[in-house]
Amino acid sequence: MKKLLILGAGTAGTMLANKLSHELSQEEWKITIVDQDTVHYYQPGFLFIPFGIYGPNDVVKAKRDYLPPSVDVIVSEIELIEPEKNQVRIAKDNRTLVYDYLIIVTGASPRPEETPGLVGPEWRKSIHDFYTYEGALALAKKLRTWEGGRLVLNIMDLPYKCPVAPLEFIFLADWYFHDKGMRDKVDLTLVTPLPGAFTKPRASSLLGNTLEEKNINLIPDFLPERVDAEAHQLISYEEEVVDYDLLVTVPVHMGADVIGRSGLGDESNFVPVDKHTLLSKQYDNIFSLGDAAALPTSKAGSVAHFAGEVFVENFLRYIDGLELQPTFDGHANCFIESGFGKGILIDFNYDVEPLPGKFPLPGIGPFSLLQESEMNHWGKMMFRWMYWNLLLKGKEMGITSQMSMAGKWS
């Protein structure tokens, strides 16, 4: 019997386990998935918790409920991947798991300790994050009683999960403080290492204009070196200083430590893979996708979804002795919540930046690309249901995995 081992039961791992359990014969294949946590978080929902839009229970489910019964689920820390021996050592019972094929989907996580001064006496007092469940809850509590001042949202470094989330946070903060009748008491500033509001020029221009219209300051090209928490200052490598009263930070992100320990990662513990086939650049029976992979595209749920869709078909070819096809095009699709019941939608890939148009039906939509609309807001809000009921379960979502130019105005 052949053995497929999946490391990580987040978005990508859960979706792949569901899809591959339907495609691979149970008489010929044993699928095992390993993850150290039993709780599955709807991570896009963390953004809404600080503003009271979602509550704590809206983003939490049991992981086992979304994995097929035929898949062997092991809850354990992963100690070491030994690719030369085709095996993985796990903490539970000091076990060693042997595989024929390995899929690494161990994700990415915030590492606030990587920035000097960020974690200390002021952590989750005057310095907060919202990229973790605990951080989002703590920030919600803070915002309920905060009386105003300079709120600085900063991005420590690239890459980080969900590149549009910092923009969404600052847009929602603008709405939130307007709704509380205290927007005039709050100075909102976005500090980013990027040259503009976003990585892609056309979207960056639109989003930069939106920031300006909402009276949100933008400080680009700012790469933080440290935080002086006592002085309430964010300090760059060039010794530029940004003062704050409340700092909401997007910490440095890294891949799982086991990737580094096993010699499979880059300097940030992300797995180098072919960007079109998702095959490891070191081993011909190891794949990686989702946030764990070192890919020149967004670390976002949509990328994990689209990559997973094309990967499954390619993997089935590969195990039958056929060559892998360069099918993944870096497709990303993101709703950007812009506040006041509106949103913006972008759709792009490795080669094509976000363009205006209609999505998913050409000329009809109902969603508008690179344009603020109420329908885009509802698309964002509907996605939580789709995530739990369609995406995780590996069901069809009616969106092409490879980006289409249909409906786009170039």
Protein backbone atom coordinates (compact mmCIF):
# COMPACT_ATOMS: atom_id res chain seq x y z
CA MET A 1 0.00 0.00 0.00
CA LYS A 2 1.31 3.45 -0.92
CA LYS A 3 1.47 6.11 1.76
CA LEU A 4 0.64 9.78 1.34
CA LEU A 5 1.58 11.98 4.28
CA ILE A 6 0.20 15.51 4.65
CA LEU A 7 1.84 17.80 7.21
CA GLY A 8 -0.60 20.48 8.34
CA ALA A 9 -4.40 20.51 8.63
CA GLY A 10 -5.06 24.17 7.91
CA THR A 11 -6.86 25.47 4.84
CA ALA A 12 -4.65 23.80 2.24
CA GLY A 13 -4.15 20.55 4.14
CA THR A 14 -7.83 20.06 4.91
CA MET A 15 -8.89 20.79 1.35
CA LEU A 16 -6.28 18.41 -0.09
CA ALA A 17 -7.20 15.64 2.33
CA ASN A 18 -10.82 15.89 1.24
CA LYS A 19 -10.09 16.01 -2.47
CA LEU A 20 -7.46 13.28 -2.52
CA SER A 21 -9.52 10.93 -0.33
CA HIS A 22 -12.10 10.89 -3.14
CA GLU A 23 -9.52 10.39 -5.89
CA LEU A 24 -7.20 7.77 -4.39
CA SER A 25 -8.32 4.18 -3.86
CA GLN A 26 -8.55 3.20 -0.20
CA GLU A 27 -7.35 -0.28 -1.16
CA GLU A 28 -4.15 1.15 -2.66
CA TRP A 29 -3.46 4.29 -0.65
CA LYS A 30 -3.25 5.27 3.00
CA ILE A 31 -3.60 9.02 3.64
CA THR A 32 -2.31 10.40 6.94
CA ILE A 33 -2.47 14.02 8.08
CA VAL A 34 -0.52 15.42 11.05
CA ASP A 35 -1.20 18.67 12.89
CA GLN A 36 -0.38 19.81 16.40
CA ASP A 37 -3.71 21.62 16.92
CA THR A 38 -7.28 20.35 17.18
CA VAL A 39 -8.93 23.73 16.44
CA HIS A 40 -9.43 25.14 12.95
CA TYR A 41 -9.56 28.93 12.79
CA TYR A 42 -11.23 30.92 10.04
CA GLN A 43 -8.29 33.31 9.85
CA PRO A 44 -9.92 35.94 7.58
CA GLY A 45 -12.39 36.43 10.43
CA PHE A 46 -9.69 37.67 12.82
CA LEU A 47 -9.88 41.01 11.00
CA PHE A 48 -13.51 41.52 12.06
CA ILE A 49 -13.18 40.61 15.75
CA PRO A 50 -11.57 43.90 16.93
CA PHE A 51 -14.50 45.86 15.49
CA GLY A 52 -17.23 43.66 16.96
CA ILE A 53 -18.40 42.39 13.55
CA TYR A 54 -17.55 38.79 14.47
CA GLY A 55 -17.55 37.21 17.89
CA PRO A 56 -15.08 34.63 19.21
CA ASN A 57 -17.22 31.65 18.23
CA ASP A 58 -17.66 32.78 14.62
CA VAL A 59 -14.14 31.74 13.63
CA VAL A 60 -13.59 28.46 15.53
CA LYS A 61 -14.41 24.87 14.55
CA ALA A 62 -13.00 21.42 15.35
CA LYS A 63 -10.49 20.31 12.73
CA ARG A 64 -11.60 16.67 12.83
CA ASP A 65 -15.12 17.66 11.76
CA TYR A 66 -13.76 18.80 8.38
CA LEU A 67 -11.50 15.84 7.62
CA PRO A 68 -12.82 12.68 5.93
CA PRO A 69 -13.25 9.54 8.09
CA SER A 70 -10.96 7.56 5.78
CA VAL A 71 -7.98 9.81 6.58
CA ASP A 72 -5.81 8.92 9.55
CA VAL A 73 -5.56 12.09 11.68
CA ILE A 74 -2.66 12.40 14.12
CA VAL A 75 -2.53 15.27 16.61
CA SER A 76 1.13 15.83 17.34
CA GLU A 77 4.04 18.20 16.97
CA ILE A 78 6.30 17.38 14.03
CA GLU A 79 9.88 17.00 15.19
CA LEU A 80 11.86 16.32 12.02
CA ILE A 81 11.41 15.57 8.33
CA GLU A 82 14.03 13.16 7.02
CA PRO A 83 13.62 13.30 3.23
CA GLU A 84 16.58 11.04 2.50
CA LYS A 85 14.81 8.29 4.45
CA ASN A 86 11.28 9.20 3.30
CA GLN A 87 10.12 9.53 6.88
CA VAL A 88 8.89 12.05 9.45
CA ARG A 89 9.50 11.91 13.17
CA ILE A 90 6.67 13.15 15.38
CA ALA A 91 6.50 13.81 19.12
CA LYS A 92 3.50 11.57 19.82
CA ASP A 93 4.78 8.25 21.16
CA ASN A 94 8.16 9.01 19.49
CA ARG A 95 6.69 7.68 16.29
CA THR A 96 8.23 7.65 12.85
CA LEU A 97 5.91 7.94 9.85
CA VAL A 98 7.09 6.56 6.52
CA TYR A 99 5.79 8.03 3.25
CA ASP A 100 5.94 7.52 -0.50
CA TYR A 101 4.81 11.10 -1.14
CA LEU A 102 4.89 14.05 1.23
CA ILE A 103 2.82 17.26 1.03
CA ILE A 104 4.02 20.08 3.27
CA VAL A 105 1.26 22.55 4.14
CA THR A 106 2.47 23.68 7.55
CA GLY A 107 1.53 27.31 6.91
CA ALA A 108 3.07 30.53 8.17
CA SER A 109 2.83 32.20 11.55
CA PRO A 110 3.51 35.65 13.04
CA ARG A 111 6.80 35.97 14.92
CA PRO A 112 6.61 39.22 16.92
CA GLU A 113 9.71 38.21 18.87
CA GLU A 114 11.75 38.70 15.69
CA THR A 115 11.49 42.51 16.06
CA PRO A 116 13.45 43.97 19.00
CA GLY A 117 11.22 45.75 21.50
CA LEU A 118 7.93 44.57 20.06
CA VAL A 119 7.15 41.97 22.72
CA GLY A 120 7.54 43.18 26.30
CA PRO A 121 5.62 45.05 29.01
CA GLU A 122 3.56 46.97 26.40
CA TRP A 123 2.60 43.90 24.35
CA ARG A 124 -1.21 43.85 24.06
CA LYS A 125 -1.42 47.10 26.02
CA SER A 126 -0.24 49.85 23.66
CA ILE A 127 1.05 47.34 21.08
CA HIS A 128 -1.36 44.87 19.50
CA ASP A 129 -1.74 42.42 16.64
CA PHE A 130 -4.80 40.90 14.98
CA TYR A 131 -3.18 38.03 13.07
CA THR A 132 -3.82 35.60 15.93
CA TYR A 133 -7.05 34.64 17.68
CA GLU A 134 -5.77 35.83 21.05
CA GLY A 135 -4.44 39.05 19.55
CA ALA A 136 -7.73 39.88 17.83
CA LEU A 137 -9.66 39.34 21.09
CA ALA A 138 -7.24 41.51 23.06
CA LEU A 139 -7.45 44.29 20.48
CA ALA A 140 -11.26 44.17 20.53
CA LYS A 141 -11.15 44.76 24.28
CA LYS A 142 -8.68 47.63 23.83
CA LEU A 143 -10.68 49.43 21.14
CA ARG A 144 -13.87 49.36 23.19
CA THR A 145 -12.34 51.74 25.75
CA TRP A 146 -9.65 53.56 23.75
CA GLU A 147 -10.20 57.31 23.86
CA GLY A 148 -8.27 58.24 20.73
CA GLY A 149 -4.87 59.45 19.60
CA ARG A 150 -2.53 58.27 16.87
CA LEU A 151 -3.25 54.73 15.73
CA VAL A 152 -0.42 53.39 13.61
CA LEU A 153 -0.84 50.18 11.65
CA ASN A 154 2.51 48.88 10.49
CA ILE A 155 3.80 45.99 8.40
CA MET A 156 7.12 44.68 9.68
CA ASP A 157 8.33 42.81 6.60
CA LEU A 158 7.35 40.72 3.57
CA PRO A 159 5.91 38.18 3.06
CA TYR A 160 2.96 38.00 5.45
CA LYS A 161 -0.41 36.29 5.36
CA CYS A 162 -3.25 37.99 3.47
CA PRO A 163 -1.53 41.06 1.98
CA VAL A 164 -4.77 43.08 1.86
CA ALA A 165 -5.64 42.59 5.55
CA PRO A 166 -3.67 45.63 6.81
CA LEU A 167 -5.53 47.83 4.33
CA GLU A 168 -8.83 46.31 5.40
CA PHE A 169 -8.01 46.94 9.04
CA ILE A 170 -7.23 50.61 8.52
CA PHE A 171 -10.37 51.06 6.37
CA LEU A 172 -12.52 49.38 9.01
CA ALA A 173 -10.89 51.48 11.72
CA ASP A 174 -11.96 54.60 9.80
CA TRP A 175 -15.55 53.29 9.72
CA TYR A 176 -15.45 52.09 13.35
CA PHE A 177 -14.35 55.43 14.80
CA HIS A 178 -16.81 57.31 12.61
CA ASP A 179 -19.53 54.98 13.92
CA LYS A 180 -18.46 55.72 17.51
CA GLY A 181 -18.55 59.46 16.81
CA MET A 182 -14.86 59.93 17.57
CA ARG A 183 -13.12 59.88 14.17
CA ASP A 184 -11.98 63.46 14.75
CA LYS A 185 -10.06 62.23 17.82
CA VAL A 186 -8.16 59.55 15.90
CA ASP A 187 -5.21 59.95 13.54
CA LEU A 188 -4.91 56.86 11.32
CA THR A 189 -1.56 56.03 9.71
CA LEU A 190 -0.49 53.05 7.62
CA VAL A 191 3.27 52.38 7.68
CA THR A 192 4.50 49.91 5.06
CA PRO A 193 7.80 48.67 3.60
CA LEU A 194 6.14 48.79 0.17
CA PRO A 195 6.54 51.81 -2.13
CA GLY A 196 2.76 52.25 -2.09
CA ALA A 197 -0.46 50.88 -0.67
CA PHE A 198 -0.12 47.50 -2.42
CA THR A 199 2.33 45.39 -4.39
CA LYS A 200 0.65 45.76 -7.81
CA PRO A 201 0.85 49.26 -9.39
CA ARG A 202 -2.73 49.66 -10.63
CA ALA A 203 -4.29 48.37 -7.41
CA SER A 204 -1.78 50.37 -5.38
CA SER A 205 -2.88 53.57 -7.09
CA LEU A 206 -6.58 52.90 -6.46
CA LEU A 207 -6.04 51.88 -2.85
CA GLY A 208 -3.72 54.84 -2.25
CA ASN A 209 -6.45 57.18 -3.49
CA THR A 210 -8.95 55.47 -1.19
CA LEU A 211 -6.65 56.02 1.78
CA GLU A 212 -6.34 59.70 0.87
CA GLU A 213 -10.11 60.11 0.50
CA LYS A 214 -10.59 58.64 3.97
CA ASN A 215 -7.95 60.95 5.48
CA ILE A 216 -5.65 58.03 6.31
CA ASN A 217 -1.93 58.79 6.24
CA LEU A 218 0.42 56.55 4.26
CA ILE A 219 4.13 56.23 5.08
CA PRO A 220 5.75 54.02 2.39
CA ASP A 221 9.25 52.52 2.13
CA PHE A 222 9.54 52.17 5.90
CA LEU A 223 11.32 49.00 7.02
CA PRO A 224 11.18 48.77 10.84
CA GLU A 225 14.28 47.74 12.75
CA ARG A 226 12.96 48.01 16.31
CA VAL A 227 10.27 49.37 18.59
CA ASP A 228 10.91 51.66 21.56
CA ALA A 229 7.83 50.64 23.52
CA GLU A 230 8.48 53.00 26.42
CA ALA A 231 8.76 56.03 24.11
CA HIS A 232 5.94 54.74 21.85
CA GLN A 233 8.13 54.89 18.75
CA LEU A 234 8.54 52.70 15.68
CA ILE A 235 12.11 53.06 14.37
CA SER A 236 13.41 52.08 10.91
CA TYR A 237 16.83 50.85 9.83
CA GLU A 238 17.43 54.39 8.55
CA GLU A 239 16.63 55.74 12.04
CA GLU A 240 13.37 57.27 10.87
CA VAL A 241 10.86 57.52 13.69
CA VAL A 242 7.07 57.13 13.70
CA ASP A 243 5.35 58.07 16.97
CA TYR A 244 2.21 56.26 18.04
CA ASP A 245 -0.29 56.08 20.86
CA LEU A 246 -1.60 52.70 19.76
CA LEU A 247 0.47 50.43 17.52
CA VAL A 248 -1.30 47.67 15.61
CA THR A 249 1.40 45.59 14.00
CA VAL A 250 1.64 42.92 11.33
CA PRO A 251 4.63 40.99 12.69
CA VAL A 252 7.33 39.23 10.73
CA HIS A 253 5.99 35.93 9.38
CA MET A 254 7.90 32.68 9.08
CA GLY A 255 7.25 29.10 8.12
CA ALA A 256 7.23 26.24 10.62
CA ASP A 257 10.43 25.69 12.59
CA VAL A 258 10.51 22.02 11.55
CA ILE A 259 11.11 23.12 7.96
CA GLY A 260 14.31 24.89 9.01
CA ARG A 261 15.41 22.03 11.28
CA SER A 262 14.95 19.60 8.41
CA GLY A 263 16.96 21.64 5.89
CA LEU A 264 13.98 22.05 3.60
CA GLY A 265 13.41 25.79 3.82
CA ASP A 266 14.79 29.18 2.88
CA GLU A 267 15.93 31.75 5.45
CA SER A 268 12.30 32.22 6.55
CA ASN A 269 11.49 28.48 6.69
CA PHE A 270 9.40 28.52 3.51
CA VAL A 271 9.81 25.55 1.17
CA PRO A 272 11.33 26.36 -2.26
CA VAL A 273 9.18 24.76 -4.96
CA ASP A 274 8.63 25.09 -8.69
CA LYS A 275 6.11 27.91 -8.91
CA HIS A 276 3.99 26.14 -11.54
CA THR A 277 4.07 22.50 -10.38
CA LEU A 278 4.60 22.99 -6.59
CA LEU A 279 7.22 20.21 -6.60
CA SER A 280 10.13 20.63 -4.19
CA LYS A 281 13.33 21.88 -5.80
CA GLN A 282 15.25 19.28 -3.76
CA TYR A 283 13.15 16.11 -3.77
CA ASP A 284 10.96 14.51 -6.41
CA ASN A 285 8.38 13.11 -3.98
CA ILE A 286 7.80 16.23 -1.86
CA PHE A 287 5.32 19.00 -2.67
CA SER A 288 4.43 22.18 -0.83
CA LEU A 289 1.67 24.73 -1.29
CA GLY A 290 -0.35 27.24 0.64
CA ASP A 291 1.47 29.59 3.01
CA ALA A 292 4.26 27.04 3.61
CA ALA A 293 5.59 27.32 0.05
CA ALA A 294 8.09 29.92 -1.14
CA LEU A 295 6.03 31.24 -4.06
CA PRO A 296 6.10 34.69 -5.69
CA THR A 297 2.42 35.26 -4.97
CA SER A 298 0.17 36.15 -2.03
CA LYS A 299 0.05 34.02 1.09
CA ALA A 300 -3.73 33.93 1.08
CA GLY A 301 -6.55 31.42 1.34
CA SER A 302 -7.54 31.97 -2.29
CA VAL A 303 -4.04 31.03 -3.44
CA ALA A 304 -4.14 27.85 -1.37
CA HIS A 305 -7.54 27.07 -2.89
CA PHE A 306 -6.54 27.64 -6.52
CA ALA A 307 -3.16 25.93 -6.11
CA GLY A 308 -4.85 22.95 -4.46
CA GLU A 309 -7.38 22.60 -7.27
CA VAL A 310 -4.75 22.36 -10.01
CA PHE A 311 -2.34 20.37 -7.82
CA VAL A 312 -4.73 17.45 -7.33
CA GLU A 313 -5.11 16.82 -11.05
CA ASN A 314 -1.36 17.20 -11.57
CA PHE A 315 -0.56 14.87 -8.68
CA LEU A 316 -2.82 12.16 -10.10
CA ARG A 317 -0.87 12.39 -13.37
CA TYR A 318 2.43 12.25 -11.53
CA ILE A 319 1.72 9.10 -9.53
CA ASP A 320 0.74 7.42 -12.81
CA GLY A 321 4.21 8.13 -14.19
CA LEU A 322 3.31 11.16 -16.32
CA GLU A 323 5.17 14.45 -16.31
CA LEU A 324 3.89 17.30 -14.18
CA GLN A 325 2.23 20.09 -16.12
CA PRO A 326 3.03 23.77 -15.36
CA THR A 327 -0.58 24.43 -14.44
CA PHE A 328 -0.51 26.78 -11.43
CA ASP A 329 -0.42 30.40 -12.56
CA GLY A 330 -0.26 32.13 -9.18
CA HIS A 331 -3.96 33.00 -9.23
CA ALA A 332 -5.14 35.13 -6.30
CA ASN A 333 -8.59 36.58 -5.70
CA CYS A 334 -9.26 38.90 -2.75
CA PHE A 335 -12.19 40.91 -1.46
CA ILE A 336 -10.95 44.05 0.30
CA GLU A 337 -13.37 45.33 2.94
CA SER A 338 -13.27 49.13 2.65
CA GLY A 339 -15.74 50.11 5.38
CA PHE A 340 -19.24 51.59 5.44
CA GLY A 341 -20.71 48.43 3.89
CA LYS A 342 -18.53 48.48 0.76
CA GLY A 343 -15.65 46.47 -0.62
CA ILE A 344 -13.19 46.17 -3.49
CA LEU A 345 -12.33 42.99 -5.42
CA ILE A 346 -9.00 42.18 -7.07
CA ASP A 347 -8.15 39.19 -9.26
CA PHE A 348 -4.59 38.58 -10.51
CA ASN A 349 -1.81 36.04 -11.05
CA TYR A 350 1.95 35.82 -11.57
CA ASP A 351 1.87 37.77 -14.83
CA VAL A 352 -1.29 39.89 -14.81
CA GLU A 353 -1.89 42.62 -12.25
CA PRO A 354 -5.41 43.43 -10.98
CA LEU A 355 -7.54 44.94 -13.74
CA PRO A 356 -11.00 46.54 -13.75
CA GLY A 357 -14.01 44.61 -15.01
CA LYS A 358 -16.76 42.26 -13.83
CA PHE A 359 -16.42 38.95 -12.00
CA PRO A 360 -17.08 36.05 -12.28
CA LEU A 361 -19.48 36.51 -15.23
CA PRO A 362 -18.07 38.79 -17.97
CA GLY A 363 -20.06 42.01 -18.23
CA ILE A 364 -22.54 40.86 -15.57
CA GLY A 365 -20.61 40.28 -12.39
CA PRO A 366 -22.23 40.60 -9.92
CA PHE A 367 -18.89 41.69 -8.46
CA SER A 368 -16.91 44.66 -9.75
CA LEU A 369 -13.13 44.47 -10.08
CA LEU A 370 -10.99 47.38 -8.86
CA GLN A 371 -14.12 49.29 -7.91
CA GLU A 372 -15.75 49.91 -4.54
CA SER A 373 -19.28 48.50 -4.25
CA GLU A 374 -21.80 47.16 -1.75
CA MET A 375 -21.96 43.86 -3.64
CA ASN A 376 -18.25 43.33 -3.03
CA HIS A 377 -18.85 43.81 0.69
CA TRP A 378 -21.52 41.12 0.65
CA GLY A 379 -19.18 38.86 -1.29
CA LYS A 380 -16.68 39.23 1.53
CA MET A 381 -19.30 38.49 4.18
CA MET A 382 -20.69 35.47 2.29
CA PHE A 383 -17.26 33.92 1.99
CA ARG A 384 -17.27 32.64 5.58
CA TRP A 385 -20.18 30.32 4.77
CA MET A 386 -18.45 29.20 1.56
CA TYR A 387 -15.22 28.55 3.46
CA TRP A 388 -16.78 26.20 6.02
CA ASN A 389 -19.24 24.49 3.68
CA LEU A 390 -17.50 24.34 0.31
CA LEU A 391 -13.81 25.23 0.26
CA LEU A 392 -12.59 23.16 3.22
CA LYS A 393 -14.65 20.17 2.13
CA GLY A 394 -13.06 20.27 -1.32
CA LYS A 395 -16.32 21.01 -3.12
CA GLU A 396 -16.65 23.01 -6.33
CA MET A 397 -16.95 26.77 -5.81
CA GLY A 398 -17.74 27.78 -9.38
CA ILE A 399 -14.57 29.84 -9.87
CA THR A 400 -11.86 28.81 -12.33
CA SER A 401 -8.58 27.89 -10.66
CA GLN A 402 -6.53 29.47 -13.42
CA MET A 403 -7.13 33.16 -13.86
CA SER A 404 -9.35 34.15 -16.75
CA MET A 405 -9.12 37.40 -18.68
CA ALA A 406 -12.83 37.20 -19.52
CA GLY A 407 -14.65 40.22 -18.14
CA LYS A 408 -11.47 42.20 -17.52
CA TRP A 409 -10.77 45.54 -19.19
CA SER A 410 -7.09 45.74 -20.01
